[in-house]
C-alpha atoms as a PDB file:
ATOM      1  CA  MET A   1       0.713 -19.515  10.909  1.00  0.00           C
ATOM      2  CA  SER A   2      -3.069 -20.343  10.327  1.00  0.00           C
ATOM      3  CA  ILE A   3      -5.729 -17.545  11.620  1.00  0.00           C
ATOM      4  CA  PRO A   4      -9.321 -17.904  12.471  1.00  0.00           C
ATOM      5  CA  ASP A   5     -12.161 -17.773  10.120  1.00  0.00           C
ATOM      6  CA  SER A   6     -13.412 -14.643  11.382  1.00  0.00           C
ATOM      7  CA  ASP A   7     -10.049 -12.888  10.728  1.00  0.00           C
ATOM      8  CA  TRP A   8      -9.709 -14.545   7.240  1.00  0.00           C
ATOM      9  CA  LYS A   9     -13.204 -12.789   6.388  1.00  0.00           C
ATOM     10  CA  ASN A  10     -12.278  -9.735   7.978  1.00  0.00           C
ATOM     11  CA  TYR A  11      -8.872  -9.617   6.291  1.00  0.00           C
ATOM     12  CA  ASN A  12     -10.690  -9.935   2.906  1.00  0.00           C
ATOM     13  CA  GLU A  13     -12.811  -7.020   3.450  1.00  0.00           C
ATOM     14  CA  LEU A  14      -9.677  -4.801   4.672  1.00  0.00           C
ATOM     15  CA  TYR A  15      -7.599  -6.070   1.415  1.00  0.00           C
ATOM     16  CA  LYS A  16     -10.574  -4.845  -0.737  1.00  0.00           C
ATOM     17  CA  LEU A  17     -10.431  -1.519   1.129  1.00  0.00           C
ATOM     18  CA  ALA A  18      -6.543  -1.093   1.110  1.00  0.00           C
ATOM     19  CA  LEU A  19      -6.079  -2.151  -2.564  1.00  0.00           C
ATOM     20  CA  ASP A  20      -8.857   0.201  -3.868  1.00  0.00           C
ATOM     21  CA  ARG A  21      -6.763   3.016  -1.557  1.00  0.00           C
ATOM     22  CA  PHE A  22      -3.340   1.892  -2.664  1.00  0.00           C
ATOM     23  CA  CYS A  23      -4.579   2.399  -6.481  1.00  0.00           C
ATOM     24  CA  GLN A  24      -6.160   5.511  -5.922  1.00  0.00           C
ATOM     25  CA  GLY A  25      -2.990   6.901  -4.269  1.00  0.00           C
ATOM     26  CA  VAL A  26      -0.858   5.819  -7.194  1.00  0.00           C
ATOM     27  CA  LEU A  27      -3.520   7.263  -9.825  1.00  0.00           C
ATOM     28  CA  ALA A  28      -3.455  10.581  -7.802  1.00  0.00           C
ATOM     29  CA  ASP A  29       0.214  10.854  -7.523  1.00  0.00           C
ATOM     30  CA  ALA A  30       0.362  10.095 -11.421  1.00  0.00           C
ATOM     31  CA  GLN A  31      -1.888  13.072 -11.944  1.00  0.00           C
ATOM     32  CA  THR A  32       0.281  15.322  -9.600  1.00  0.00           C
ATOM     33  CA  ILE A  33       3.191  14.324 -11.536  1.00  0.00           C
ATOM     34  CA  ALA A  34       1.673  14.686 -15.254  1.00  0.00           C
ATOM     35  CA  GLN A  35       0.232  18.020 -14.197  1.00  0.00           C
ATOM     36  CA  ASN A  36       3.683  19.694 -12.909  1.00  0.00           C
ATOM     37  CA  GLU A  37       4.369  21.928 -15.658  1.00  0.00           C
ATOM     38  CA  THR A  38       7.519  23.180 -13.950  1.00  0.00           C
ATOM     39  CA  LEU A  39       9.300  20.193 -14.831  1.00  0.00           C
ATOM     40  CA  SER A  40      10.277  19.149 -18.389  1.00  0.00           C
ATOM     41  CA  ALA A  41       8.154  16.342 -20.060  1.00  0.00           C
ATOM     42  CA  HIS A  42      11.211  14.285 -19.649  1.00  0.00           C
ATOM     43  CA  ALA A  43      11.466  14.698 -16.223  1.00  0.00           C
ATOM     44  CA  ARG A  44       8.101  14.184 -15.423  1.00  0.00           C
ATOM     45  CA  TYR A  45       8.031  10.994 -17.564  1.00  0.00           C
ATOM     46  CA  ALA A  46      10.852   9.515 -15.520  1.00  0.00           C
ATOM     47  CA  THR A  47       9.182  10.518 -12.361  1.00  0.00           C
ATOM     48  CA  LEU A  48       6.215   8.740 -13.318  1.00  0.00           C
ATOM     49  CA  TYR A  49       8.220   5.800 -14.696  1.00  0.00           C
ATOM     50  CA  GLY A  50       9.516   5.348 -11.433  1.00  0.00           C
ATOM     51  CA  LEU A  51       6.572   5.813  -9.179  1.00  0.00           C
ATOM     52  CA  ILE A  52       4.880   2.941 -11.280  1.00  0.00           C
ATOM     53  CA  ARG A  53       7.865   0.767 -10.845  1.00  0.00           C
ATOM     54  CA  ASN A  54       8.378   1.320  -7.419  1.00  0.00           C
ATOM     55  CA  ARG A  55       4.720   0.916  -6.602  1.00  0.00           C
ATOM     56  CA  ASP A  56       4.239  -2.029  -8.654  1.00  0.00           C
ATOM     57  CA  LYS A  57       6.744  -3.837  -6.682  1.00  0.00           C
ATOM     58  CA  ASP A  58       5.001  -2.601  -3.254  1.00  0.00           C
ATOM     59  CA  LEU A  59       1.607  -3.717  -4.853  1.00  0.00           C
ATOM     60  CA  ALA A  60       2.796  -7.441  -5.534  1.00  0.00           C
ATOM     61  CA  MET A  61       4.404  -7.695  -1.981  1.00  0.00           C
ATOM     62  CA  ALA A  62       1.176  -6.363  -0.223  1.00  0.00           C
ATOM     63  CA  PHE A  63      -1.430  -7.844  -2.484  1.00  0.00           C
ATOM     64  CA  ASN A  64      -0.527 -10.909  -4.336  1.00  0.00           C
ATOM     65  CA  GLY A  65      -0.137 -13.351  -1.490  1.00  0.00           C
ATOM     66  CA  ARG A  66      -3.865 -14.434  -0.762  1.00  0.00           C
ATOM     67  CA  ARG A  67      -3.041 -17.401   1.335  1.00  0.00           C
ATOM     68  CA  ARG A  68      -3.909 -17.307   5.051  1.00  0.00           C
ATOM     69  CA  LYS A  69      -0.130 -17.764   5.890  1.00  0.00           C
ATOM     70  CA  GLU A  70       0.758 -14.658   4.324  1.00  0.00           C
ATOM     71  CA  VAL A  71      -2.015 -12.412   6.043  1.00  0.00           C
ATOM     72  CA  SER A  72       0.253 -11.177   8.890  1.00  0.00           C
ATOM     73  CA  LEU A  73       2.803  -9.904   6.197  1.00  0.00           C
ATOM     74  CA  SER A  74       0.244  -8.786   4.051  1.00  0.00           C
ATOM     75  CA  LEU A  75      -1.327  -6.506   6.866  1.00  0.00           C
ATOM     76  CA  ARG A  76       1.839  -5.022   8.038  1.00  0.00           C
ATOM     77  CA  LEU A  77       2.622  -3.982   4.642  1.00  0.00           C
ATOM     78  CA  MET A  78      -0.928  -2.365   4.331  1.00  0.00           C
ATOM     79  CA  VAL A  79      -0.356  -0.921   7.732  1.00  0.00           C
ATOM     80  CA  ALA A  80       3.297   0.476   6.461  1.00  0.00           C
ATOM     81  CA  TYR A  81       1.708   2.069   3.096  1.00  0.00           C
ATOM     82  CA  ASP A  82      -0.584   3.851   5.477  1.00  0.00           C
ATOM     83  CA  LEU A  83      -3.831   2.139   3.880  1.00  0.00           C
ATOM     84  CA  LEU A  84      -5.902   0.973   6.993  1.00  0.00           C
ATOM     85  CA  SER A  85      -6.689   3.183   9.891  1.00  0.00           C
ATOM     86  CA  ASP A  86      -5.884   1.695  13.514  1.00  0.00           C
ATOM     87  CA  GLN A  87      -9.921   1.813  13.743  1.00  0.00           C
ATOM     88  CA  GLU A  88     -10.444  -0.209  10.762  1.00  0.00           C
ATOM     89  CA  LEU A  89      -7.819  -2.914  12.321  1.00  0.00           C
ATOM     90  CA  MET A  90     -10.073  -3.357  15.339  1.00  0.00           C
ATOM     91  CA  VAL A  91     -12.126  -6.015  13.227  1.00  0.00           C
ATOM     92  CA  LEU A  92      -9.213  -8.270  13.659  1.00  0.00           C
ATOM     93  CA  SER A  93      -8.489 -10.580  16.579  1.00  0.00           C
ATOM     94  CA  ASP A  94      -6.277  -9.121  19.588  1.00  0.00           C
ATOM     95  CA  GLU A  95      -3.626 -11.871  18.474  1.00  0.00           C
ATOM     96  CA  LEU A  96      -3.581 -10.898  14.832  1.00  0.00           C
ATOM     97  CA  ARG A  97      -3.275  -7.092  15.925  1.00  0.00           C
ATOM     98  CA  GLU A  98      -0.350  -7.874  18.075  1.00  0.00           C
ATOM     99  CA  ARG A  99       1.357  -9.790  15.348  1.00  0.00           C
ATOM    100  CA  ILE A 100       1.219  -6.926  13.117  1.00  0.00           C
ATOM    101  CA  SER A 101       1.577  -4.238  15.679  1.00  0.00           C
ATOM    102  CA  ASP A 102       5.583  -3.645  14.819  1.00  0.00           C
ATOM    103  CA  ALA A 103       4.541  -1.943  11.574  1.00  0.00           C
ATOM    104  CA  VAL A 104       5.780   1.626  11.043  1.00  0.00           C
ATOM    105  CA  ARG A 105       3.431   3.810   9.007  1.00  0.00           C
ATOM    106  CA  GLN A 106       5.574   5.125   6.159  1.00  0.00           C
ATOM    107  CA  PRO A 107       3.067   7.392   3.879  1.00  0.00           C
ATOM    108  CA  TYR A 108       4.292   7.512   0.368  1.00  0.00           C
ATOM    109  CA  GLU A 109       6.034  10.407  -1.280  1.00  0.00           C
ATOM    110  CA  ILE A 110       6.777  11.210  -4.828  1.00  0.00           C
ATOM    111  CA  GLU A 111      10.529  10.767  -5.509  1.00  0.00           C
ATOM    112  CA  TRP A 112      10.868  13.693  -8.169  1.00  0.00           C
ATOM    113  CA  VAL A 113      13.410  13.288 -11.013  1.00  0.00           C
ATOM    114  CA  THR A 114      14.765  16.615 -12.588  1.00  0.00           C
ATOM    115  CA  ASP A 115      16.651  17.196 -15.517  1.00  0.00           C
ATOM    116  CA  ALA A 116      20.244  16.777 -15.535  1.00  0.00           C
END
């Protein structure tokens, strides 16, 4: 479904903001993992490996499609990943906000791996 030029322009600004927040979040989580000395180096490595693998998939799903017809899905994922506030989404048209209103925020949590 096509979107108005104003939504496309605003989406591109939100895209940049959300991408930066996504990357900052991954880097912060990676630092938390690396500095957790209660776990062995191997457990930290395994946790970090899983983090990067999973987040890379999420990054691709939310940010690799830069076509107008993919804007709704991309925005839903940005909201689900808790990268954009409701206030920031107010720049979008009522119609587009309605299309993404079913997105459920699910902030990331680190999935820790322990030594077996």
